Amino acid sequence: MSTELFKQVDITQTLEIPLMVKKAKLVSTHPNGSYKLEGEVDKLVISDPNAFWSASKYLVIVVD
């Protein structure tokens, strides 16, 4: 798998990821309740970082 499309972030500091798209879907596994997609998917808000990153250290989002 090529990692060039991934952006490295500090998972202890990153609580919001701006998206600014009409639709977004998380493809990677992250527990429900540990995040929310806001607005017309303006951003991904991570409300529980420990739970959110517990299943995977990669975040994959399909946007439209």
PDB file of N, CA and C in Angstrom:
ATOM      1  N   MET A   1       0.845  -1.178   0.000  1.00  0.00           N
ATOM      2  CA  MET A   1       0.000   0.000   0.000  1.00  0.00           C
ATOM      3  C   MET A   1       0.888   1.238   0.000  1.00  0.00           C
ATOM      4  N   SER A   2       0.589   2.154  -0.875  1.00  0.00           N
ATOM      5  CA  SER A   2       1.336   3.400  -0.941  1.00  0.00           C
ATOM      6  C   SER A   2       0.854   4.338   0.156  1.00  0.00           C
ATOM      7  N   THR A   3       1.786   4.952   0.857  1.00  0.00           N
ATOM      8  CA  THR A   3       1.406   5.859   1.939  1.00  0.00           C
ATOM      9  C   THR A   3       1.536   7.321   1.529  1.00  0.00           C
ATOM     10  N   GLU A   4       1.806   7.597   0.252  1.00  0.00           N
ATOM     11  CA  GLU A   4       1.994   8.988  -0.172  1.00  0.00           C
ATOM     12  C   GLU A   4       0.724   9.833  -0.073  1.00  0.00           C
ATOM     13  N   LEU A   5      -0.435   9.216  -0.096  1.00  0.00           N
ATOM     14  CA  LEU A   5      -1.685   9.965   0.000  1.00  0.00           C
ATOM     15  C   LEU A   5      -2.089  10.246   1.444  1.00  0.00           C
ATOM     16  N   PHE A   6      -1.351   9.689   2.384  1.00  0.00           N
ATOM     17  CA  PHE A   6      -1.664   9.898   3.792  1.00  0.00           C
ATOM     18  C   PHE A   6      -0.895  11.092   4.331  1.00  0.00           C
ATOM     19  N   LYS A   7      -1.536  11.792   5.261  1.00  0.00           N
ATOM     20  CA  LYS A   7      -0.896  12.911   5.931  1.00  0.00           C
ATOM     21  C   LYS A   7      -0.667  12.509   7.383  1.00  0.00           C
ATOM     22  N   GLN A   8       0.549  12.680   7.867  1.00  0.00           N
ATOM     23  CA  GLN A   8       0.861  12.319   9.240  1.00  0.00           C
ATOM     24  C   GLN A   8       0.413  13.428  10.188  1.00  0.00           C
ATOM     25  N   VAL A   9      -0.266  13.043  11.277  1.00  0.00           N
ATOM     26  CA  VAL A   9      -0.716  13.999  12.279  1.00  0.00           C
ATOM     27  C   VAL A   9      -0.356  13.468  13.662  1.00  0.00           C
ATOM     28  N   ASP A  10      -0.320  14.360  14.621  1.00  0.00           N
ATOM     29  CA  ASP A  10      -0.117  13.975  16.010  1.00  0.00           C
ATOM     30  C   ASP A  10      -1.488  13.610  16.570  1.00  0.00           C
ATOM     31  N   ILE A  11      -1.734  12.329  16.800  1.00  0.00           N
ATOM     32  CA  ILE A  11      -3.067  11.891  17.220  1.00  0.00           C
ATOM     33  C   ILE A  11      -3.422  12.362  18.629  1.00  0.00           C
ATOM     34  N   THR A  12      -2.445  12.818  19.388  1.00  0.00           N
ATOM     35  CA  THR A  12      -2.738  13.345  20.726  1.00  0.00           C
ATOM     36  C   THR A  12      -3.166  14.800  20.666  1.00  0.00           C
ATOM     37  N   GLN A  13      -2.912  15.472  19.552  1.00  0.00           N
ATOM     38  CA  GLN A  13      -3.229  16.895  19.410  1.00  0.00           C
ATOM     39  C   GLN A  13      -4.328  17.183  18.388  1.00  0.00           C
ATOM     40  N   THR A  14      -4.565  16.284  17.462  1.00  0.00           N
ATOM     41  CA  THR A  14      -5.526  16.512  16.383  1.00  0.00           C
ATOM     42  C   THR A  14      -6.931  16.117  16.829  1.00  0.00           C
ATOM     43  N   LEU A  15      -7.780  17.128  17.047  1.00  0.00           N
ATOM     44  CA  LEU A  15      -9.159  16.881  17.473  1.00  0.00           C
ATOM     45  C   LEU A  15     -10.172  17.267  16.405  1.00  0.00           C
ATOM     46  N   GLU A  16      -9.721  17.995  15.385  1.00  0.00           N
ATOM     47  CA  GLU A  16     -10.595  18.383  14.277  1.00  0.00           C
ATOM     48  C   GLU A  16      -9.830  18.253  12.971  1.00  0.00           C
ATOM     49  N   ILE A  17     -10.538  17.789  11.949  1.00  0.00           N
ATOM     50  CA  ILE A  17      -9.954  17.688  10.612  1.00  0.00           C
ATOM     51  C   ILE A  17     -10.919  18.360   9.651  1.00  0.00           C
ATOM     52  N   PRO A  18     -10.526  19.505   9.072  1.00  0.00           N
ATOM     53  CA  PRO A  18     -11.410  20.203   8.133  1.00  0.00           C
ATOM     54  C   PRO A  18     -11.600  19.376   6.862  1.00  0.00           C
ATOM     55  N   LEU A  19     -12.847  19.297   6.392  1.00  0.00           N
ATOM     56  CA  LEU A  19     -13.149  18.542   5.178  1.00  0.00           C
ATOM     57  C   LEU A  19     -13.781  19.421   4.105  1.00  0.00           C
ATOM     58  N   MET A  20     -14.795  20.205   4.478  1.00  0.00           N
ATOM     59  CA  MET A  20     -15.469  21.135   3.562  1.00  0.00           C
ATOM     60  C   MET A  20     -15.969  20.433   2.299  1.00  0.00           C
ATOM     61  N   VAL A  21     -16.748  19.370   2.482  1.00  0.00           N
ATOM     62  CA  VAL A  21     -17.303  18.602   1.368  1.00  0.00           C
ATOM     63  C   VAL A  21     -18.804  18.405   1.589  1.00  0.00           C
ATOM     64  N   LYS A  22     -19.494  17.917   0.572  1.00  0.00           N
ATOM     65  CA  LYS A  22     -20.933  17.675   0.692  1.00  0.00           C
ATOM     66  C   LYS A  22     -21.220  16.365   1.419  1.00  0.00           C
ATOM     67  N   LYS A  23     -20.419  15.342   1.128  1.00  0.00           N
ATOM     68  CA  LYS A  23     -20.612  14.042   1.766  1.00  0.00           C
ATOM     69  C   LYS A  23     -19.260  13.467   2.149  1.00  0.00           C
ATOM     70  N   ALA A  24     -19.258  12.754   3.277  1.00  0.00           N
ATOM     71  CA  ALA A  24     -18.044  12.076   3.714  1.00  0.00           C
ATOM     72  C   ALA A  24     -18.425  10.789   4.428  1.00  0.00           C
ATOM     73  N   LYS A  25     -17.594   9.779   4.262  1.00  0.00           N
ATOM     74  CA  LYS A  25     -17.817   8.498   4.911  1.00  0.00           C
ATOM     75  C   LYS A  25     -16.481   7.963   5.395  1.00  0.00           C
ATOM     76  N   LEU A  26     -16.432   7.571   6.663  1.00  0.00           N
ATOM     77  CA  LEU A  26     -15.220   6.958   7.194  1.00  0.00           C
ATOM     78  C   LEU A  26     -15.158   5.520   6.703  1.00  0.00           C
ATOM     79  N   VAL A  27     -14.033   5.147   6.111  1.00  0.00           N
ATOM     80  CA  VAL A  27     -13.827   3.791   5.625  1.00  0.00           C
ATOM     81  C   VAL A  27     -13.080   2.978   6.681  1.00  0.00           C
ATOM     82  N   SER A  28     -12.158   3.610   7.359  1.00  0.00           N
ATOM     83  CA  SER A  28     -11.421   2.925   8.415  1.00  0.00           C
ATOM     84  C   SER A  28     -12.331   2.742   9.634  1.00  0.00           C
ATOM     85  N   THR A  29     -11.971   1.802  10.481  1.00  0.00           N
ATOM     86  CA  THR A  29     -12.786   1.462  11.646  1.00  0.00           C
ATOM     87  C   THR A  29     -12.471   2.368  12.825  1.00  0.00           C
ATOM     88  N   HIS A  30     -13.497   3.063  13.294  1.00  0.00           N
ATOM     89  CA  HIS A  30     -13.380   3.911  14.481  1.00  0.00           C
ATOM     90  C   HIS A  30     -14.695   3.796  15.244  1.00  0.00           C
ATOM     91  N   PRO A  31     -14.641   3.661  16.572  1.00  0.00           N
ATOM     92  CA  PRO A  31     -15.856   3.433  17.355  1.00  0.00           C
ATOM     93  C   PRO A  31     -16.875   4.566  17.224  1.00  0.00           C
ATOM     94  N   ASN A  32     -18.146   4.174  17.076  1.00  0.00           N
ATOM     95  CA  ASN A  32     -19.221   5.161  17.083  1.00  0.00           C
ATOM     96  C   ASN A  32     -19.207   5.891  18.417  1.00  0.00           C
ATOM     97  N   GLY A  33     -19.507   7.161  18.386  1.00  0.00           N
ATOM     98  CA  GLY A  33     -19.514   7.957  19.602  1.00  0.00           C
ATOM     99  C   GLY A  33     -18.180   8.618  19.906  1.00  0.00           C
ATOM    100  N   SER A  34     -17.118   8.219  19.184  1.00  0.00           N
ATOM    101  CA  SER A  34     -15.806   8.834  19.425  1.00  0.00           C
ATOM    102  C   SER A  34     -15.541   9.980  18.455  1.00  0.00           C
ATOM    103  N   TYR A  35     -16.480  10.212  17.521  1.00  0.00           N
ATOM    104  CA  TYR A  35     -16.318  11.275  16.527  1.00  0.00           C
ATOM    105  C   TYR A  35     -17.682  11.708  16.014  1.00  0.00           C
ATOM    106  N   LYS A  36     -17.699  12.832  15.315  1.00  0.00           N
ATOM    107  CA  LYS A  36     -18.902  13.241  14.587  1.00  0.00           C
ATOM    108  C   LYS A  36     -18.487  14.065  13.376  1.00  0.00           C
ATOM    109  N   LEU A  37     -19.299  13.972  12.349  1.00  0.00           N
ATOM    110  CA  LEU A  37     -19.114  14.779  11.151  1.00  0.00           C
ATOM    111  C   LEU A  37     -20.055  15.956  11.288  1.00  0.00           C
ATOM    112  N   GLU A  38     -19.536  17.169  11.171  1.00  0.00           N
ATOM    113  CA  GLU A  38     -20.328  18.370  11.440  1.00  0.00           C
ATOM    114  C   GLU A  38     -20.737  19.105  10.179  1.00  0.00           C
ATOM    115  N   GLY A  39     -21.891  19.752  10.288  1.00  0.00           N
ATOM    116  CA  GLY A  39     -22.377  20.597   9.197  1.00  0.00           C
ATOM    117  C   GLY A  39     -22.642  19.796   7.946  1.00  0.00           C
ATOM    118  N   GLU A  40     -22.468  20.432   6.809  1.00  0.00           N
ATOM    119  CA  GLU A  40     -22.570  19.725   5.527  1.00  0.00           C
ATOM    120  C   GLU A  40     -21.236  19.038   5.311  1.00  0.00           C
ATOM    121  N   VAL A  41     -20.751  18.450   6.376  1.00  0.00           N
ATOM    122  CA  VAL A  41     -19.456  17.794   6.497  1.00  0.00           C
ATOM    123  C   VAL A  41     -18.340  18.830   6.361  1.00  0.00           C
ATOM    124  N   ASP A  42     -18.472  19.859   7.180  1.00  0.00           N
ATOM    125  CA  ASP A  42     -17.430  20.879   7.256  1.00  0.00           C
ATOM    126  C   ASP A  42     -16.163  20.319   7.873  1.00  0.00           C
ATOM    127  N   LYS A  43     -16.360  19.434   8.876  1.00  0.00           N
ATOM    128  CA  LYS A  43     -15.183  18.896   9.551  1.00  0.00           C
ATOM    129  C   LYS A  43     -15.526  17.619  10.292  1.00  0.00           C
ATOM    130  N   LEU A  44     -14.493  16.847  10.569  1.00  0.00           N
ATOM    131  CA  LEU A  44     -14.579  15.680  11.428  1.00  0.00           C
ATOM    132  C   LEU A  44     -14.101  16.129  12.795  1.00  0.00           C
ATOM    133  N   VAL A  45     -14.916  15.902  13.828  1.00  0.00           N
ATOM    134  CA  VAL A  45     -14.553  16.277  15.185  1.00  0.00           C
ATOM    135  C   VAL A  45     -14.349  14.992  15.988  1.00  0.00           C
ATOM    136  N   ILE A  46     -13.165  14.845  16.556  1.00  0.00           N
ATOM    137  CA  ILE A  46     -12.838  13.669  17.356  1.00  0.00           C
ATOM    138  C   ILE A  46     -13.101  14.023  18.819  1.00  0.00           C
ATOM    139  N   SER A  47     -14.144  13.428  19.383  1.00  0.00           N
ATOM    140  CA  SER A  47     -14.536  13.761  20.755  1.00  0.00           C
ATOM    141  C   SER A  47     -13.848  12.886  21.791  1.00  0.00           C
ATOM    142  N   ASP A  48     -13.414  11.696  21.403  1.00  0.00           N
ATOM    143  CA  ASP A  48     -12.717  10.787  22.310  1.00  0.00           C
ATOM    144  C   ASP A  48     -11.508  10.205  21.581  1.00  0.00           C
ATOM    145  N   PRO A  49     -10.375  10.924  21.609  1.00  0.00           N
ATOM    146  CA  PRO A  49      -9.197  10.491  20.843  1.00  0.00           C
ATOM    147  C   PRO A  49      -8.700   9.086  21.192  1.00  0.00           C
ATOM    148  N   ASN A  50      -8.721   8.725  22.468  1.00  0.00           N
ATOM    149  CA  ASN A  50      -8.240   7.388  22.859  1.00  0.00           C
ATOM    150  C   ASN A  50      -9.085   6.300  22.217  1.00  0.00           C
ATOM    151  N   ALA A  51     -10.390   6.436  22.271  1.00  0.00           N
ATOM    152  CA  ALA A  51     -11.276   5.450  21.645  1.00  0.00           C
ATOM    153  C   ALA A  51     -11.169   5.509  20.126  1.00  0.00           C
ATOM    154  N   PHE A  52     -11.147   6.722  19.572  1.00  0.00           N
ATOM    155  CA  PHE A  52     -11.122   6.898  18.120  1.00  0.00           C
ATOM    156  C   PHE A  52      -9.930   6.184  17.490  1.00  0.00           C
ATOM    157  N   TRP A  53      -8.758   6.343  18.071  1.00  0.00           N
ATOM    158  CA  TRP A  53      -7.542   5.770  17.494  1.00  0.00           C
ATOM    159  C   TRP A  53      -7.241   4.358  18.000  1.00  0.00           C
ATOM    160  N   SER A  54      -8.110   3.787  18.842  1.00  0.00           N
ATOM    161  CA  SER A  54      -7.830   2.469  19.418  1.00  0.00           C
ATOM    162  C   SER A  54      -7.886   1.330  18.398  1.00  0.00           C
ATOM    163  N   ALA A  55      -8.749   1.435  17.413  1.00  0.00           N
ATOM    164  CA  ALA A  55      -8.914   0.358  16.440  1.00  0.00           C
ATOM    165  C   ALA A  55      -7.932   0.458  15.273  1.00  0.00           C
ATOM    166  N   SER A  56      -7.533   1.682  14.929  1.00  0.00           N
ATOM    167  CA  SER A  56      -6.642   1.885  13.782  1.00  0.00           C
ATOM    168  C   SER A  56      -5.895   3.196  13.928  1.00  0.00           C
ATOM    169  N   LYS A  57      -4.644   3.185  13.548  1.00  0.00           N
ATOM    170  CA  LYS A  57      -3.856   4.422  13.560  1.00  0.00           C
ATOM    171  C   LYS A  57      -3.957   5.144  12.218  1.00  0.00           C
ATOM    172  N   TYR A  58      -4.726   4.574  11.288  1.00  0.00           N
ATOM    173  CA  TYR A  58      -4.983   5.212   9.999  1.00  0.00           C
ATOM    174  C   TYR A  58      -6.426   5.677   9.960  1.00  0.00           C
ATOM    175  N   LEU A  59      -6.642   6.850   9.395  1.00  0.00           N
ATOM    176  CA  LEU A  59      -7.985   7.377   9.160  1.00  0.00           C
ATOM    177  C   LEU A  59      -8.162   7.483   7.657  1.00  0.00           C
ATOM    178  N   VAL A  60      -9.158   6.798   7.133  1.00  0.00           N
ATOM    179  CA  VAL A  60      -9.441   6.832   5.691  1.00  0.00           C
ATOM    180  C   VAL A  60     -10.852   7.361   5.525  1.00  0.00           C
ATOM    181  N   ILE A  61     -10.974   8.473   4.770  1.00  0.00           N
ATOM    182  CA  ILE A  61     -12.262   9.109   4.545  1.00  0.00           C
ATOM    183  C   ILE A  61     -12.497   9.201   3.036  1.00  0.00           C
ATOM    184  N   VAL A  62     -13.677   8.786   2.601  1.00  0.00           N
ATOM    185  CA  VAL A  62     -14.083   8.971   1.200  1.00  0.00           C
ATOM    186  C   VAL A  62     -14.961  10.210   1.190  1.00  0.00           C
ATOM    187  N   VAL A  63     -14.612  11.171   0.335  1.00  0.00           N
ATOM    188  CA  VAL A  63     -15.359  12.432   0.269  1.00  0.00           C
ATOM    189  C   VAL A  63     -15.966  12.612  -1.118  1.00  0.00           C
ATOM    190  N   ASP A  64     -17.037  13.403  -1.143  1.00  0.00           N
ATOM    191  CA  ASP A  64     -17.721  13.686  -2.404  1.00  0.00           C
ATOM    192  C   ASP A  64     -17.998  15.172  -2.465  1.00  0.00           C
TER     193      ASP A  64
END
